[in-house]
């Protein structure tokens, strides 16, 4: 069994980047404050000292320039890791990502690889207000040529980030900012990685399938644990990557339980979990359902700055439990 160490999510991300950069000199890290400061969330502390300014590059405050230069570097053979800090800032970089980077492999018949990993701190929960708390994964998942990765644990973050860096496509790597300090067991084996497109059953169950990812995974697991005392067996399914999606894992779970709840913290309207609901509804799995599909998501309002209001618009453990009781017919 591989050796493990308890470390925070931010440390697991640092370790993944460090291990990959030690193996491949074409990999470099670039972004605002990644060097001297060690990253706005402490994810690149110590990396400047090890790899130097050529491979850990502080940039001006221009996400459009950062993304454009990264895609240009990638098509010449380099493998940039881009720290865009808050996910909200990807809006400024979308032209280069969506209209250029995501299209290269297709337009050149697979002959022009664009291996760029865009790391973004996503979601609410730390009082960052309306312009620094969004979960925009549905936007990027809509674009062919972009892979979207959403880990909810430190160990998954390490394994999935290593696969993202090795991938030859644009990868959006979401990091739940409210979990950066959460400590868990992380695999130390430098050869450990988790393939993109491979989900995991985080908790076995027989009564209800609960699909969640990223920040909400922790709350989904807590809710499942608490309702178990009332005799409800919830299976918690973590896709881990949204594109590509492990559809068969979700389908198999729904066939077993006959009930499906979907949870994320992005706004409900147009949110990614609506895509999962559609996939289930359009497949043969629909015939196994004994209850309508239920979505639990963020409210359709900007994220408030006031903590009490911020918590009100994000799915809570209690709100998830209420949905479980309703679907289990135990209100």
Protein backbone atom coordinates (compact mmCIF):
# COMPACT_ATOMS: atom_id res chain seq x y z
CA UNK A 1 0.00 0.00 0.00
CA UNK A 2 1.30 3.45 -0.92
CA UNK A 3 2.60 5.73 1.81
CA UNK A 4 0.32 8.63 2.71
CA UNK A 5 0.60 11.87 4.63
CA UNK A 6 -2.02 14.16 6.13
CA UNK A 7 -1.94 17.47 4.29
CA UNK A 8 -4.21 20.33 3.31
CA UNK A 9 -5.79 20.59 -0.13
CA UNK A 10 -3.45 23.48 -1.01
CA UNK A 11 -0.44 21.32 -0.12
CA UNK A 12 -1.71 18.42 -2.24
CA UNK A 13 -2.01 20.75 -5.24
CA UNK A 14 1.50 22.05 -4.62
CA UNK A 15 2.83 18.49 -4.42
CA UNK A 16 1.15 17.45 -7.67
CA UNK A 17 2.63 20.39 -9.58
CA UNK A 18 6.05 19.90 -8.03
CA UNK A 19 6.17 16.19 -8.88
CA UNK A 20 5.16 16.81 -12.50
CA UNK A 21 7.61 19.69 -12.95
CA UNK A 22 10.44 17.55 -11.64
CA UNK A 23 9.65 14.94 -14.30
CA UNK A 24 9.13 17.24 -17.28
CA UNK A 25 11.10 20.43 -17.94
CA UNK A 26 8.51 21.59 -20.46
CA UNK A 27 6.03 22.18 -17.64
CA UNK A 28 5.93 25.61 -16.04
CA UNK A 29 3.63 27.52 -13.68
CA UNK A 30 2.41 31.00 -14.52
CA UNK A 31 -0.02 33.46 -12.94
CA UNK A 32 -0.49 36.42 -10.67
CA UNK A 33 1.47 36.09 -7.40
CA UNK A 34 2.52 32.47 -8.00
CA UNK A 35 6.21 33.18 -7.41
CA UNK A 36 7.42 35.39 -4.58
CA UNK A 37 4.06 35.37 -2.80
CA UNK A 38 3.52 31.63 -3.24
CA UNK A 39 0.04 31.92 -4.75
CA UNK A 40 -2.94 33.87 -3.46
CA UNK A 41 -4.14 30.72 -1.67
CA UNK A 42 -0.68 29.37 -0.83
CA UNK A 43 -0.70 26.67 -3.49
CA UNK A 44 2.78 27.40 -4.91
CA UNK A 45 4.75 28.14 -1.74
CA UNK A 46 8.39 27.10 -2.19
CA UNK A 47 8.17 26.40 -5.91
CA UNK A 48 10.01 29.55 -6.99
CA UNK A 49 12.99 28.54 -4.86
CA UNK A 50 13.10 25.07 -6.44
CA UNK A 51 12.36 25.84 -10.09
CA UNK A 52 13.44 29.46 -10.54
CA UNK A 53 11.83 32.42 -12.29
CA UNK A 54 11.89 30.78 -15.72
CA UNK A 55 9.47 28.04 -14.65
CA UNK A 56 7.50 29.83 -11.92
CA UNK A 57 6.51 33.07 -13.58
CA UNK A 58 4.72 36.01 -11.98
CA UNK A 59 2.55 37.87 -14.49
CA UNK A 60 0.89 41.25 -14.87
CA UNK A 61 -2.78 41.50 -13.89
CA UNK A 62 -4.18 40.53 -17.29
CA UNK A 63 -5.97 37.20 -17.54
CA UNK A 64 -6.47 37.71 -21.29
CA UNK A 65 -2.71 38.05 -21.80
CA UNK A 66 -1.97 35.12 -19.47
CA UNK A 67 -4.35 32.79 -21.33
CA UNK A 68 -3.23 33.89 -24.77
CA UNK A 69 0.46 33.46 -24.01
CA UNK A 70 -0.18 30.06 -22.39
CA UNK A 71 -2.02 28.75 -25.44
CA UNK A 72 0.72 30.09 -27.69
CA UNK A 73 3.36 28.38 -25.56
CA UNK A 74 1.40 25.11 -25.56
CA UNK A 75 1.21 24.86 -29.35
CA UNK A 76 5.00 25.20 -29.50
CA UNK A 77 5.48 22.19 -27.21
CA UNK A 78 5.38 23.54 -23.65
CA UNK A 79 2.87 22.48 -20.98
CA UNK A 80 1.75 25.52 -18.97
CA UNK A 81 -0.08 25.37 -15.65
CA UNK A 82 -2.01 28.60 -15.24
CA UNK A 83 -3.16 29.86 -11.84
CA UNK A 84 -6.06 32.18 -12.65
CA UNK A 85 -6.84 32.59 -8.94
CA UNK A 86 -10.61 33.18 -8.68
CA UNK A 87 -12.76 31.30 -11.18
CA UNK A 88 -14.64 34.53 -11.87
CA UNK A 89 -11.56 35.87 -13.67
CA UNK A 90 -11.79 33.21 -16.37
CA UNK A 91 -14.43 35.42 -17.97
CA UNK A 92 -11.62 37.75 -19.05
CA UNK A 93 -9.70 34.85 -20.61
CA UNK A 94 -12.58 33.17 -22.43
CA UNK A 95 -11.73 34.40 -25.93
CA UNK A 96 -8.33 32.71 -25.96
CA UNK A 97 -9.63 29.58 -24.24
CA UNK A 98 -12.92 29.08 -26.10
CA UNK A 99 -12.20 30.49 -29.56
CA UNK A 100 -8.59 29.39 -29.87
CA UNK A 101 -7.28 26.80 -27.42
CA UNK A 102 -10.34 24.57 -27.38
CA UNK A 103 -10.52 24.41 -31.18
CA UNK A 104 -6.90 23.63 -32.09
CA UNK A 105 -6.93 19.83 -31.89
CA UNK A 106 -10.08 19.66 -34.02
CA UNK A 107 -9.16 22.27 -36.61
CA UNK A 108 -5.73 20.76 -37.23
CA UNK A 109 -6.83 17.12 -37.26
CA UNK A 110 -5.17 16.36 -33.95
CA UNK A 111 -1.85 17.75 -35.11
CA UNK A 112 -1.82 20.84 -32.91
CA UNK A 113 -1.97 19.88 -29.26
CA UNK A 114 -2.83 22.53 -26.68
CA UNK A 115 -1.91 21.15 -23.25
CA UNK A 116 -2.85 23.94 -20.83
CA UNK A 117 -4.22 23.40 -17.32
CA UNK A 118 -6.18 26.38 -16.00
CA UNK A 119 -6.40 26.17 -12.21
CA UNK A 120 -9.28 28.17 -10.72
CA UNK A 121 -10.44 28.70 -7.12
CA UNK A 122 -14.18 28.11 -7.30
CA UNK A 123 -17.31 28.56 -5.25
CA UNK A 124 -18.44 30.55 -2.26
CA UNK A 125 -18.09 30.10 1.48
CA UNK A 126 -15.27 32.44 2.52
CA UNK A 127 -16.94 35.85 2.22
CA UNK A 128 -15.51 36.80 -1.18
CA UNK A 129 -18.78 38.32 -2.43
CA UNK A 130 -20.41 38.48 -5.84
CA UNK A 131 -17.35 38.90 -8.09
CA UNK A 132 -15.10 36.30 -6.45
CA UNK A 133 -17.39 33.40 -5.53
CA UNK A 134 -18.90 31.96 -8.68
CA UNK A 135 -18.97 28.38 -9.97
CA UNK A 136 -18.94 28.66 -13.76
CA UNK A 137 -18.22 25.06 -14.74
CA UNK A 138 -21.37 24.81 -16.91
CA UNK A 139 -19.99 27.51 -19.22
CA UNK A 140 -16.80 25.61 -19.95
CA UNK A 141 -18.42 22.16 -20.02
CA UNK A 142 -20.54 23.44 -22.92
CA UNK A 143 -17.49 23.88 -25.18
CA UNK A 144 -16.09 20.84 -27.06
CA UNK A 145 -12.33 20.60 -26.59
CA UNK A 146 -12.29 21.59 -22.92
CA UNK A 147 -12.10 19.08 -20.08
CA UNK A 148 -13.55 20.07 -16.71
CA UNK A 149 -12.23 18.58 -13.48
CA UNK A 150 -13.86 19.09 -10.07
CA UNK A 151 -12.19 17.28 -7.15
CA UNK A 152 -13.75 17.35 -3.69
CA UNK A 153 -10.90 15.86 -1.64
CA UNK A 154 -7.18 16.56 -1.27
CA UNK A 155 -6.12 13.13 -2.54
CA UNK A 156 -8.37 13.37 -5.58
CA UNK A 157 -7.03 16.87 -6.24
CA UNK A 158 -3.49 15.53 -6.35
CA UNK A 159 -4.25 12.58 -8.59
CA UNK A 160 -6.52 14.49 -10.95
CA UNK A 161 -4.21 17.50 -11.27
CA UNK A 162 -1.37 15.23 -12.37
CA UNK A 163 -3.60 13.76 -15.08
CA UNK A 164 -4.75 17.23 -16.10
CA UNK A 165 -1.18 18.44 -16.55
CA UNK A 166 -0.36 15.39 -18.69
CA UNK A 167 -3.44 15.81 -20.88
CA UNK A 168 -3.03 17.27 -24.37
CA UNK A 169 -6.17 19.41 -24.19
CA UNK A 170 -7.38 22.52 -22.41
CA UNK A 171 -8.30 21.47 -18.86
CA UNK A 172 -10.28 23.58 -16.41
CA UNK A 173 -9.24 22.41 -12.94
CA UNK A 174 -11.59 23.59 -10.20
CA UNK A 175 -10.32 24.02 -6.65
CA UNK A 176 -12.98 24.59 -3.94
CA UNK A 177 -11.53 27.60 -2.19
CA UNK A 178 -13.36 26.97 1.08
CA UNK A 179 -11.55 23.61 1.37
CA UNK A 180 -7.98 24.77 0.76
CA UNK A 181 -7.15 24.31 4.44
CA UNK A 182 -8.97 21.01 4.96
CA UNK A 183 -6.51 18.22 5.81
CA UNK A 184 -6.80 14.62 4.62
CA UNK A 185 -4.65 11.61 3.80
CA UNK A 186 -2.82 12.12 0.51
CA UNK A 187 -0.88 9.51 -1.45
CA UNK A 188 2.83 10.35 -1.63
CA UNK A 189 3.73 8.02 -4.51
CA UNK A 190 4.95 10.33 -7.31
CA UNK A 191 3.54 7.88 -9.87
CA UNK A 192 0.02 8.06 -8.38
CA UNK A 193 -2.58 9.65 -10.62
CA UNK A 194 -6.33 9.42 -11.22
CA UNK A 195 -7.49 9.10 -14.85
CA UNK A 196 -9.81 11.80 -16.11
CA UNK A 197 -13.33 10.49 -16.67
CA UNK A 198 -13.23 8.00 -13.80
CA UNK A 199 -15.63 8.76 -10.93
CA UNK A 200 -15.84 7.12 -7.54
CA UNK A 201 -18.53 5.88 -5.19
CA UNK A 202 -17.67 7.73 -1.99
CA UNK A 203 -20.32 5.96 0.09
CA UNK A 204 -22.25 2.80 -0.74
CA UNK A 205 -26.04 2.87 -0.40
CA UNK A 206 -29.24 1.22 -1.58
CA UNK A 207 -32.12 3.72 -1.22
CA UNK A 208 -31.06 6.94 -2.97
CA UNK A 209 -28.28 7.97 -5.37
CA UNK A 210 -26.83 11.37 -4.43
CA UNK A 211 -24.46 12.82 -7.05
CA UNK A 212 -22.23 15.70 -6.00
CA UNK A 213 -18.75 17.07 -6.60
CA UNK A 214 -16.28 19.71 -5.44
CA UNK A 215 -17.29 21.80 -2.43
CA UNK A 216 -20.68 20.11 -1.98
CA UNK A 217 -19.25 16.59 -1.77
CA UNK A 218 -18.33 17.10 1.89
CA UNK A 219 -21.85 18.25 2.74
CA UNK A 220 -23.42 15.44 0.74
CA UNK A 221 -21.41 12.87 2.70
CA UNK A 222 -22.33 14.50 6.00
CA UNK A 223 -26.01 14.49 5.08
CA UNK A 224 -25.82 10.83 4.07
CA UNK A 225 -24.16 9.98 7.37
CA UNK A 226 -26.80 11.79 9.42
CA UNK A 227 -29.86 10.31 7.67
CA UNK A 228 -28.42 6.82 8.09
CA UNK A 229 -29.55 7.06 11.73
CA UNK A 230 -33.12 7.16 10.38
CA UNK A 231 -32.64 4.05 8.29
CA UNK A 232 -32.04 5.76 4.93
CA UNK A 233 -29.16 4.35 2.90
CA UNK A 234 -27.72 6.99 0.56
CA UNK A 235 -25.14 6.19 -2.09
CA UNK A 236 -22.87 9.20 -2.66
CA UNK A 237 -21.46 9.32 -6.17
CA UNK A 238 -18.58 11.68 -7.01
CA UNK A 239 -18.00 12.14 -10.78
CA UNK A 240 -14.68 13.91 -10.04
CA UNK A 241 -14.50 15.00 -13.68
CA UNK A 242 -17.47 16.65 -15.37
CA UNK A 243 -15.99 16.42 -18.87
CA UNK A 244 -15.46 13.58 -19.57
CA UNK A 245 -18.25 12.30 -17.32
CA UNK A 246 -18.41 8.78 -15.90
CA UNK A 247 -22.01 8.30 -17.02
CA UNK A 248 -22.09 4.54 -16.53
CA UNK A 249 -21.18 4.85 -12.84
CA UNK A 250 -24.13 7.20 -12.31
CA UNK A 251 -26.49 5.06 -14.39
CA UNK A 252 -25.54 1.88 -12.51
CA UNK A 253 -26.16 3.57 -9.16
CA UNK A 254 -29.58 4.90 -10.24
CA UNK A 255 -30.56 1.45 -11.50
CA UNK A 256 -29.76 0.10 -8.03
CA UNK A 257 -31.53 2.77 -5.96
CA UNK A 258 -34.33 4.04 -8.22
CA UNK A 259 -33.98 7.57 -6.85
CA UNK A 260 -31.65 10.45 -7.78
CA UNK A 261 -30.68 13.68 -6.04
CA UNK A 262 -28.14 16.04 -7.62
CA UNK A 263 -26.23 18.62 -5.59
CA UNK A 264 -23.86 21.45 -6.52
CA UNK A 265 -23.26 25.02 -5.38
CA UNK A 266 -23.51 26.70 -8.79
CA UNK A 267 -26.70 28.60 -9.62
CA UNK A 268 -29.57 26.23 -10.35
CA UNK A 269 -30.66 27.69 -13.68
CA UNK A 270 -28.36 26.36 -16.39
CA UNK A 271 -26.20 24.55 -13.83
CA UNK A 272 -24.17 21.47 -14.73
CA UNK A 273 -26.27 19.06 -12.67
CA UNK A 274 -29.13 19.78 -15.07
CA UNK A 275 -27.04 18.04 -17.74
CA UNK A 276 -26.72 14.94 -15.56
CA UNK A 277 -30.48 14.99 -14.95
CA UNK A 278 -31.07 15.14 -18.72
CA UNK A 279 -28.70 12.26 -19.41
CA UNK A 280 -30.57 10.07 -16.94
CA UNK A 281 -33.98 11.17 -18.25
CA UNK A 282 -33.00 10.47 -21.86
CA UNK A 283 -31.55 7.01 -21.17
CA UNK A 284 -32.99 3.60 -20.36
CA UNK A 285 -32.21 4.40 -16.72
CA UNK A 286 -35.33 6.59 -16.64
CA UNK A 287 -37.49 3.48 -16.37
CA UNK A 288 -35.79 2.58 -13.09
CA UNK A 289 -36.77 5.83 -11.37
CA UNK A 290 -39.42 5.60 -8.64
CA UNK A 291 -39.36 9.34 -7.88
CA UNK A 292 -38.77 12.53 -9.90
CA UNK A 293 -35.16 13.67 -10.08
CA UNK A 294 -34.37 16.37 -7.50
CA UNK A 295 -31.76 19.13 -7.93
CA UNK A 296 -30.28 21.03 -4.97
CA UNK A 297 -28.21 24.02 -6.08
CA UNK A 298 -27.26 27.60 -5.32
CA UNK A 299 -29.97 30.22 -5.49
CA UNK A 300 -30.24 32.28 -8.67
CA UNK A 301 -28.80 35.44 -7.12
CA UNK A 302 -25.32 36.99 -6.95
CA UNK A 303 -23.34 35.65 -4.00
CA UNK A 304 -23.84 38.07 -1.07
CA UNK A 305 -20.95 39.42 0.97
CA UNK A 306 -22.73 39.12 4.33
CA UNK A 307 -21.87 35.68 5.72
CA UNK A 308 -25.39 34.88 6.90
CA UNK A 309 -26.78 35.69 3.45
CA UNK A 310 -23.96 33.85 1.69
CA UNK A 311 -24.77 30.70 3.64
CA UNK A 312 -28.45 31.12 2.82
CA UNK A 313 -27.88 30.87 -0.94
CA UNK A 314 -25.54 27.85 -0.80
CA UNK A 315 -26.95 24.34 -0.27
CA UNK A 316 -26.57 23.39 3.39
CA UNK A 317 -26.42 19.95 4.99
CA UNK A 318 -29.92 20.53 6.33
CA UNK A 319 -31.27 21.40 2.89
CA UNK A 320 -29.72 18.25 1.44
CA UNK A 321 -31.22 16.19 4.26
CA UNK A 322 -34.66 17.69 3.62
CA UNK A 323 -34.42 16.55 0.01
CA UNK A 324 -33.33 13.07 1.08
CA UNK A 325 -36.29 12.71 3.46
CA UNK A 326 -38.68 13.91 0.76
CA UNK A 327 -37.35 11.53 -1.87
CA UNK A 328 -37.36 8.67 0.64
CA UNK A 329 -40.98 9.49 1.53
CA UNK A 330 -40.01 10.12 5.14
CA UNK A 331 -40.81 13.82 5.51
